[in-house]
PDB file of all heavy atoms in Angstrom:
ATOM      1  N   GLN A   1     148.495 148.926 216.309  1.00  0.00           N
ATOM      2  CA  GLN A   1     147.038 148.836 216.425  1.00  0.00           C
ATOM      3  C   GLN A   1     146.468 147.638 215.676  1.00  0.00           C
ATOM      4  O   GLN A   1     145.391 147.143 216.024  1.00  0.00           O
ATOM      5  CB  GLN A   1     146.391 150.125 215.918  1.00  0.00           C
ATOM      6  CG  GLN A   1     146.679 151.337 216.789  1.00  0.00           C
ATOM      7  CD  GLN A   1     146.115 152.621 216.209  1.00  0.00           C
ATOM      8  OE1 GLN A   1     145.527 152.631 215.124  1.00  0.00           O
ATOM      9  NE2 GLN A   1     146.288 153.719 216.919  1.00  0.00           N
ATOM     10  N   SER A   2     147.186 147.169 214.668  1.00  0.00           N
ATOM     11  CA  SER A   2     146.656 146.087 213.839  1.00  0.00           C
ATOM     12  C   SER A   2     147.314 144.740 214.116  1.00  0.00           C
ATOM     13  O   SER A   2     147.138 143.793 213.349  1.00  0.00           O
ATOM     14  CB  SER A   2     146.822 146.439 212.351  1.00  0.00           C
ATOM     15  OG  SER A   2     148.190 146.655 212.035  1.00  0.00           O
ATOM     16  N   ASN A   3     148.078 144.643 215.216  1.00  0.00           N
ATOM     17  CA  ASN A   3     148.761 143.391 215.536  1.00  0.00           C
ATOM     18  C   ASN A   3     148.535 143.004 216.995  1.00  0.00           C
ATOM     19  O   ASN A   3     148.378 143.860 217.863  1.00  0.00           O
ATOM     20  CB  ASN A   3     150.272 143.515 215.286  1.00  0.00           C
ATOM     21  CG  ASN A   3     150.639 143.386 213.823  1.00  0.00           C
ATOM     22  OD1 ASN A   3     150.851 142.297 213.314  1.00  0.00           O
ATOM     23  ND2 ASN A   3     150.674 144.523 213.133  1.00  0.00           N
ATOM     24  N   ASN A   4     148.540 141.709 217.245  1.00  0.00           N
ATOM     25  CA  ASN A   4     148.442 141.174 218.588  1.00  0.00           C
ATOM     26  C   ASN A   4     149.844 141.081 219.182  1.00  0.00           C
ATOM     27  O   ASN A   4     150.644 140.245 218.764  1.00  0.00           O
ATOM     28  CB  ASN A   4     147.780 139.794 218.565  1.00  0.00           C
ATOM     29  CG  ASN A   4     147.644 139.197 219.950  1.00  0.00           C
ATOM     30  OD1 ASN A   4     147.992 139.823 220.952  1.00  0.00           O
ATOM     31  ND2 ASN A   4     147.132 137.985 220.019  1.00  0.00           N
ATOM     32  N   LEU A   5     150.131 141.933 220.158  1.00  0.00           N
ATOM     33  CA  LEU A   5     151.494 142.012 220.687  1.00  0.00           C
ATOM     34  C   LEU A   5     151.875 140.809 221.540  1.00  0.00           C
ATOM     35  O   LEU A   5     153.046 140.646 221.881  1.00  0.00           O
ATOM     36  CB  LEU A   5     151.665 143.295 221.500  1.00  0.00           C
ATOM     37  CG  LEU A   5     151.720 144.602 220.723  1.00  0.00           C
ATOM     38  CD1 LEU A   5     152.098 145.746 221.643  1.00  0.00           C
ATOM     39  CD2 LEU A   5     152.707 144.523 219.563  1.00  0.00           C
ATOM     40  N   GLU A   6     150.925 139.965 221.885  1.00  0.00           N
ATOM     41  CA  GLU A   6     151.256 138.815 222.718  1.00  0.00           C
ATOM     42  C   GLU A   6     152.242 137.879 222.030  1.00  0.00           C
ATOM     43  O   GLU A   6     153.006 137.173 222.689  1.00  0.00           O
ATOM     44  CB  GLU A   6     149.978 138.048 223.084  1.00  0.00           C
ATOM     45  CG  GLU A   6     149.075 138.802 224.057  1.00  0.00           C
ATOM     46  CD  GLU A   6     147.876 137.979 224.475  1.00  0.00           C
ATOM     47  OE1 GLU A   6     147.796 136.794 224.062  1.00  0.00           O
ATOM     48  OE2 GLU A   6     147.027 138.507 225.213  1.00  0.00           O
ATOM     49  N   SER A   7     152.233 137.863 220.708  1.00  0.00           N
ATOM     50  CA  SER A   7     153.132 136.984 219.964  1.00  0.00           C
ATOM     51  C   SER A   7     154.339 137.724 219.387  1.00  0.00           C
ATOM     52  O   SER A   7     155.160 137.138 218.690  1.00  0.00           O
ATOM     53  CB  SER A   7     152.365 136.305 218.817  1.00  0.00           C
ATOM     54  OG  SER A   7     151.849 137.273 217.916  1.00  0.00           O
ATOM     55  N   ILE A   8     154.453 139.018 219.692  1.00  0.00           N
ATOM     56  CA  ILE A   8     155.534 139.849 219.169  1.00  0.00           C
ATOM     57  C   ILE A   8     156.542 140.131 220.280  1.00  0.00           C
ATOM     58  O   ILE A   8     156.174 140.502 221.386  1.00  0.00           O
ATOM     59  CB  ILE A   8     155.006 141.184 218.608  1.00  0.00           C
ATOM     60  CG1 ILE A   8     153.943 140.937 217.544  1.00  0.00           C
ATOM     61  CG2 ILE A   8     156.145 142.010 218.046  1.00  0.00           C
ATOM     62  CD1 ILE A   8     154.443 140.216 216.322  1.00  0.00           C
ATOM     63  N   GLU A   9     157.837 139.947 219.988  1.00  0.00           N
ATOM     64  CA  GLU A   9     158.880 140.135 220.990  1.00  0.00           C
ATOM     65  C   GLU A   9     159.645 141.451 220.825  1.00  0.00           C
ATOM     66  O   GLU A   9     160.327 141.895 221.753  1.00  0.00           O
ATOM     67  CB  GLU A   9     159.874 138.971 220.931  1.00  0.00           C
ATOM     68  CG  GLU A   9     159.244 137.616 221.198  1.00  0.00           C
ATOM     69  CD  GLU A   9     160.227 136.481 221.001  1.00  0.00           C
ATOM     70  OE1 GLU A   9     161.422 136.674 221.305  1.00  0.00           O
ATOM     71  OE2 GLU A   9     159.810 135.414 220.532  1.00  0.00           O
ATOM     72  N   GLY A  10     159.571 142.038 219.647  1.00  0.00           N
ATOM     73  CA  GLY A  10     160.326 143.267 219.437  1.00  0.00           C
ATOM     74  C   GLY A  10     159.971 143.927 218.126  1.00  0.00           C
ATOM     75  O   GLY A  10     159.133 143.442 217.359  1.00  0.00           O
ATOM     76  N   VAL A  11     160.635 145.049 217.876  1.00  0.00           N
ATOM     77  CA  VAL A  11     160.435 145.816 216.644  1.00  0.00           C
ATOM     78  C   VAL A  11     161.799 146.149 216.062  1.00  0.00           C
ATOM     79  O   VAL A  11     162.675 146.651 216.776  1.00  0.00           O
ATOM     80  CB  VAL A  11     159.659 147.126 216.907  1.00  0.00           C
ATOM     81  CG1 VAL A  11     159.479 147.907 215.603  1.00  0.00           C
ATOM     82  CG2 VAL A  11     158.310 146.845 217.558  1.00  0.00           C
ATOM     83  N   ILE A  12     161.990 145.862 214.793  1.00  0.00           N
ATOM     84  CA  ILE A  12     163.191 146.275 214.069  1.00  0.00           C
ATOM     85  C   ILE A  12     162.860 147.568 213.330  1.00  0.00           C
ATOM     86  O   ILE A  12     161.920 147.603 212.520  1.00  0.00           O
ATOM     87  CB  ILE A  12     163.646 145.197 213.056  1.00  0.00           C
ATOM     88  CG1 ILE A  12     164.052 143.914 213.772  1.00  0.00           C
ATOM     89  CG2 ILE A  12     164.789 145.724 212.198  1.00  0.00           C
ATOM     90  CD1 ILE A  12     165.315 144.023 214.603  1.00  0.00           C
ATOM     91  N   VAL A  13     163.607 148.627 213.623  1.00  0.00           N
ATOM     92  CA  VAL A  13     163.377 149.920 212.975  1.00  0.00           C
ATOM     93  C   VAL A  13     164.565 150.205 212.061  1.00  0.00           C
ATOM     94  O   VAL A  13     165.696 150.351 212.531  1.00  0.00           O
ATOM     95  CB  VAL A  13     163.219 151.047 214.008  1.00  0.00           C
ATOM     96  CG1 VAL A  13     162.877 152.361 213.303  1.00  0.00           C
ATOM     97  CG2 VAL A  13     162.142 150.696 215.030  1.00  0.00           C
ATOM     98  N   ALA A  14     164.319 150.246 210.777  1.00  0.00           N
ATOM     99  CA  ALA A  14     165.387 150.460 209.799  1.00  0.00           C
ATOM    100  C   ALA A  14     166.168 151.738 210.127  1.00  0.00           C
ATOM    101  O   ALA A  14     165.580 152.784 210.376  1.00  0.00           O
ATOM    102  CB  ALA A  14     164.796 150.535 208.395  1.00  0.00           C
ATOM    103  N   GLY A  15     167.489 151.605 210.125  1.00  0.00           N
ATOM    104  CA  GLY A  15     168.353 152.747 210.404  1.00  0.00           C
ATOM    105  C   GLY A  15     168.483 153.108 211.872  1.00  0.00           C
ATOM    106  O   GLY A  15     169.279 153.977 212.228  1.00  0.00           O
ATOM    107  N   ILE A  16     167.722 152.445 212.741  1.00  0.00           N
ATOM    108  CA  ILE A  16     167.704 152.795 214.166  1.00  0.00           C
ATOM    109  C   ILE A  16     168.210 151.657 215.037  1.00  0.00           C
ATOM    110  O   ILE A  16     169.203 151.781 215.755  1.00  0.00           O
ATOM    111  CB  ILE A  16     166.289 153.208 214.622  1.00  0.00           C
ATOM    112  CG1 ILE A  16     165.790 154.402 213.814  1.00  0.00           C
ATOM    113  CG2 ILE A  16     166.279 153.496 216.112  1.00  0.00           C
ATOM    114  CD1 ILE A  16     166.577 155.673 214.017  1.00  0.00           C
ATOM    115  N   GLY A  17     167.538 150.509 215.006  1.00  0.00           N
ATOM    116  CA  GLY A  17     167.937 149.388 215.847  1.00  0.00           C
ATOM    117  C   GLY A  17     166.767 148.539 216.272  1.00  0.00           C
ATOM    118  O   GLY A  17     165.735 148.474 215.588  1.00  0.00           O
ATOM    119  N   LEU A  18     166.912 147.894 217.413  1.00  0.00           N
ATOM    120  CA  LEU A  18     165.915 146.965 217.948  1.00  0.00           C
ATOM    121  C   LEU A  18     165.205 147.583 219.141  1.00  0.00           C
ATOM    122  O   LEU A  18     165.840 148.160 220.030  1.00  0.00           O
ATOM    123  CB  LEU A  18     166.591 145.662 218.394  1.00  0.00           C
ATOM    124  CG  LEU A  18     165.753 144.706 219.246  1.00  0.00           C
ATOM    125  CD1 LEU A  18     164.645 144.072 218.414  1.00  0.00           C
ATOM    126  CD2 LEU A  18     166.635 143.632 219.875  1.00  0.00           C
ATOM    127  N   LEU A  19     163.884 147.449 219.164  1.00  0.00           N
ATOM    128  CA  LEU A  19     163.097 147.802 220.331  1.00  0.00           C
ATOM    129  C   LEU A  19     162.524 146.509 220.907  1.00  0.00           C
ATOM    130  O   LEU A  19     161.691 145.864 220.275  1.00  0.00           O
ATOM    131  CB  LEU A  19     161.945 148.740 219.969  1.00  0.00           C
ATOM    132  CG  LEU A  19     162.295 150.078 219.307  1.00  0.00           C
ATOM    133  CD1 LEU A  19     161.026 150.834 218.951  1.00  0.00           C
ATOM    134  CD2 LEU A  19     163.164 150.915 220.218  1.00  0.00           C
ATOM    135  N   ALA A  20     163.021 146.104 222.066  1.00  0.00           N
ATOM    136  CA  ALA A  20     162.458 144.964 222.775  1.00  0.00           C
ATOM    137  C   ALA A  20     161.527 145.509 223.852  1.00  0.00           C
ATOM    138  O   ALA A  20     161.763 146.598 224.381  1.00  0.00           O
ATOM    139  CB  ALA A  20     163.562 144.113 223.395  1.00  0.00           C
ATOM    140  N   PHE A  21     160.489 144.749 224.195  1.00  0.00           N
ATOM    141  CA  PHE A  21     159.530 145.310 225.149  1.00  0.00           C
ATOM    142  C   PHE A  21     158.826 144.217 225.943  1.00  0.00           C
ATOM    143  O   PHE A  21     158.722 143.066 225.518  1.00  0.00           O
ATOM    144  CB  PHE A  21     158.496 146.171 224.416  1.00  0.00           C
ATOM    145  CG  PHE A  21     157.815 145.479 223.263  1.00  0.00           C
ATOM    146  CD1 PHE A  21     156.713 144.653 223.473  1.00  0.00           C
ATOM    147  CD2 PHE A  21     158.271 145.645 221.966  1.00  0.00           C
ATOM    148  CE1 PHE A  21     156.092 144.016 222.409  1.00  0.00           C
ATOM    149  CE2 PHE A  21     157.655 145.003 220.897  1.00  0.00           C
ATOM    150  CZ  PHE A  21     156.560 144.194 221.119  1.00  0.00           C
ATOM    151  N   HIS A  22     158.344 144.607 227.111  1.00  0.00           N
ATOM    152  CA  HIS A  22     157.591 143.704 227.980  1.00  0.00           C
ATOM    153  C   HIS A  22     157.087 144.527 229.159  1.00  0.00           C
ATOM    154  O   HIS A  22     157.585 145.620 229.425  1.00  0.00           O
ATOM    155  CB  HIS A  22     158.490 142.563 228.478  1.00  0.00           C
ATOM    156  CG  HIS A  22     157.731 141.368 228.982  1.00  0.00           C
ATOM    157  ND1 HIS A  22     157.232 141.291 230.270  1.00  0.00           N
ATOM    158  CD2 HIS A  22     157.391 140.195 228.380  1.00  0.00           C
ATOM    159  CE1 HIS A  22     156.623 140.129 230.433  1.00  0.00           C
ATOM    160  NE2 HIS A  22     156.699 139.445 229.308  1.00  0.00           N
ATOM    161  N   ASP A  23     156.118 143.982 229.882  1.00  0.00           N
ATOM    162  CA  ASP A  23     155.636 144.675 231.068  1.00  0.00           C
ATOM    163  C   ASP A  23     156.548 144.469 232.271  1.00  0.00           C
ATOM    164  O   ASP A  23     156.387 145.139 233.300  1.00  0.00           O
ATOM    165  CB  ASP A  23     154.209 144.216 231.415  1.00  0.00           C
ATOM    166  CG  ASP A  23     153.163 144.852 230.508  1.00  0.00           C
ATOM    167  OD1 ASP A  23     153.352 146.034 230.133  1.00  0.00           O
ATOM    168  OD2 ASP A  23     152.170 144.198 230.178  1.00  0.00           O
ATOM    169  N   GLU A  24     157.492 143.526 232.158  1.00  0.00           N
ATOM    170  CA  GLU A  24     158.480 143.296 233.209  1.00  0.00           C
ATOM    171  C   GLU A  24     159.858 143.712 232.694  1.00  0.00           C
ATOM    172  O   GLU A  24     160.249 143.355 231.581  1.00  0.00           O
ATOM    173  CB  GLU A  24     158.508 141.824 233.628  1.00  0.00           C
ATOM    174  CG  GLU A  24     157.179 141.300 234.161  1.00  0.00           C
ATOM    175  CD  GLU A  24     156.793 141.950 235.482  1.00  0.00           C
ATOM    176  OE1 GLU A  24     157.709 142.401 236.202  1.00  0.00           O
ATOM    177  OE2 GLU A  24     155.590 142.014 235.788  1.00  0.00           O
ATOM    178  N   ALA A  25     160.606 144.445 233.509  1.00  0.00           N
ATOM    179  CA  ALA A  25     161.910 144.958 233.090  1.00  0.00           C
ATOM    180  C   ALA A  25     162.865 143.836 232.715  1.00  0.00           C
ATOM    181  O   ALA A  25     163.596 143.923 231.712  1.00  0.00           O
ATOM    182  CB  ALA A  25     162.514 145.821 234.197  1.00  0.00           C
ATOM    183  N   GLU A  26     162.888 142.760 233.505  1.00  0.00           N
ATOM    184  CA  GLU A  26     163.812 141.664 233.234  1.00  0.00           C
ATOM    185  C   GLU A  26     163.486 140.983 231.907  1.00  0.00           C
ATOM    186  O   GLU A  26     164.398 140.655 231.129  1.00  0.00           O
ATOM    187  CB  GLU A  26     163.769 140.622 234.361  1.00  0.00           C
ATOM    188  CG  GLU A  26     164.734 139.464 234.125  1.00  0.00           C
ATOM    189  CD  GLU A  26     164.702 138.419 235.225  1.00  0.00           C
ATOM    190  OE1 GLU A  26     163.865 138.544 236.144  1.00  0.00           O
ATOM    191  OE2 GLU A  26     165.511 137.467 235.157  1.00  0.00           O
ATOM    192  N   GLN A  27     162.209 140.785 231.629  1.00  0.00           N
ATOM    193  CA  GLN A  27     161.824 140.112 230.391  1.00  0.00           C
ATOM    194  C   GLN A  27     162.145 140.974 229.165  1.00  0.00           C
ATOM    195  O   GLN A  27     162.542 140.458 228.119  1.00  0.00           O
ATOM    196  CB  GLN A  27     160.330 139.760 230.417  1.00  0.00           C
ATOM    197  CG  GLN A  27     159.957 138.748 231.486  1.00  0.00           C
ATOM    198  CD  GLN A  27     160.771 137.477 231.379  1.00  0.00           C
ATOM    199  OE1 GLN A  27     160.945 136.919 230.289  1.00  0.00           O
ATOM    200  NE2 GLN A  27     161.281 137.000 232.501  1.00  0.00           N
ATOM    201  N   SER A  28     161.983 142.278 229.294  1.00  0.00           N
ATOM    202  CA  SER A  28     162.339 143.172 228.190  1.00  0.00           C
ATOM    203  C   SER A  28     163.840 143.106 227.930  1.00  0.00           C
ATOM    204  O   SER A  28     164.291 143.039 226.774  1.00  0.00           O
ATOM    205  CB  SER A  28     161.919 144.603 228.525  1.00  0.00           C
ATOM    206  OG  SER A  28     162.212 145.488 227.461  1.00  0.00           O
ATOM    207  N   TYR A  29     164.621 143.093 229.010  1.00  0.00           N
ATOM    208  CA  TYR A  29     166.074 142.977 228.890  1.00  0.00           C
ATOM    209  C   TYR A  29     166.461 141.646 228.243  1.00  0.00           C
ATOM    210  O   TYR A  29     167.307 141.596 227.344  1.00  0.00           O
ATOM    211  CB  TYR A  29     166.717 143.111 230.270  1.00  0.00           C
ATOM    212  CG  TYR A  29     168.202 142.852 230.285  1.00  0.00           C
ATOM    213  CD1 TYR A  29     169.100 143.805 229.815  1.00  0.00           C
ATOM    214  CD2 TYR A  29     168.702 141.637 230.733  1.00  0.00           C
ATOM    215  CE1 TYR A  29     170.464 143.572 229.803  1.00  0.00           C
ATOM    216  CE2 TYR A  29     170.072 141.396 230.735  1.00  0.00           C
ATOM    217  CZ  TYR A  29     170.951 142.351 230.277  1.00  0.00           C
ATOM    218  OH  TYR A  29     172.294 142.103 230.260  1.00  0.00           O
ATOM    219  N   LYS A  30     165.825 140.549 228.662  1.00  0.00           N
ATOM    220  CA  LYS A  30     166.116 139.238 228.102  1.00  0.00           C
ATOM    221  C   LYS A  30     165.818 139.197 226.603  1.00  0.00           C
ATOM    222  O   LYS A  30     166.555 138.578 225.831  1.00  0.00           O
ATOM    223  CB  LYS A  30     165.313 138.160 228.827  1.00  0.00           C
ATOM    224  CG  LYS A  30     165.857 137.776 230.197  1.00  0.00           C
ATOM    225  CD  LYS A  30     165.043 136.651 230.808  1.00  0.00           C
ATOM    226  CE  LYS A  30     165.631 136.187 232.131  1.00  0.00           C
ATOM    227  NZ  LYS A  30     164.824 135.099 232.741  1.00  0.00           N
ATOM    228  N   ARG A  31     164.738 139.832 226.208  1.00  0.00           N
ATOM    229  CA  ARG A  31     164.413 139.850 224.779  1.00  0.00           C
ATOM    230  C   ARG A  31     165.469 140.582 223.979  1.00  0.00           C
ATOM    231  O   ARG A  31     165.751 140.217 222.838  1.00  0.00           O
ATOM    232  CB  ARG A  31     163.034 140.488 224.571  1.00  0.00           C
ATOM    233  CG  ARG A  31     161.868 139.604 224.993  1.00  0.00           C
ATOM    234  CD  ARG A  31     160.538 140.273 224.745  1.00  0.00           C
ATOM    235  NE  ARG A  31     159.434 139.343 224.960  1.00  0.00           N
ATOM    236  CZ  ARG A  31     158.147 139.645 224.768  1.00  0.00           C
ATOM    237  NH1 ARG A  31     157.812 140.865 224.365  1.00  0.00           N
ATOM    238  NH2 ARG A  31     157.218 138.753 224.978  1.00  0.00           N
TER     239      ARG A  31
END
């Protein structure tokens, strides 16, 4: 809620892993 996601490519969650995201499936996979 407090960040502009346009400049964010993913989320690192401690103990869990990487969450990559996009509105297009291919771009999310590429990230």
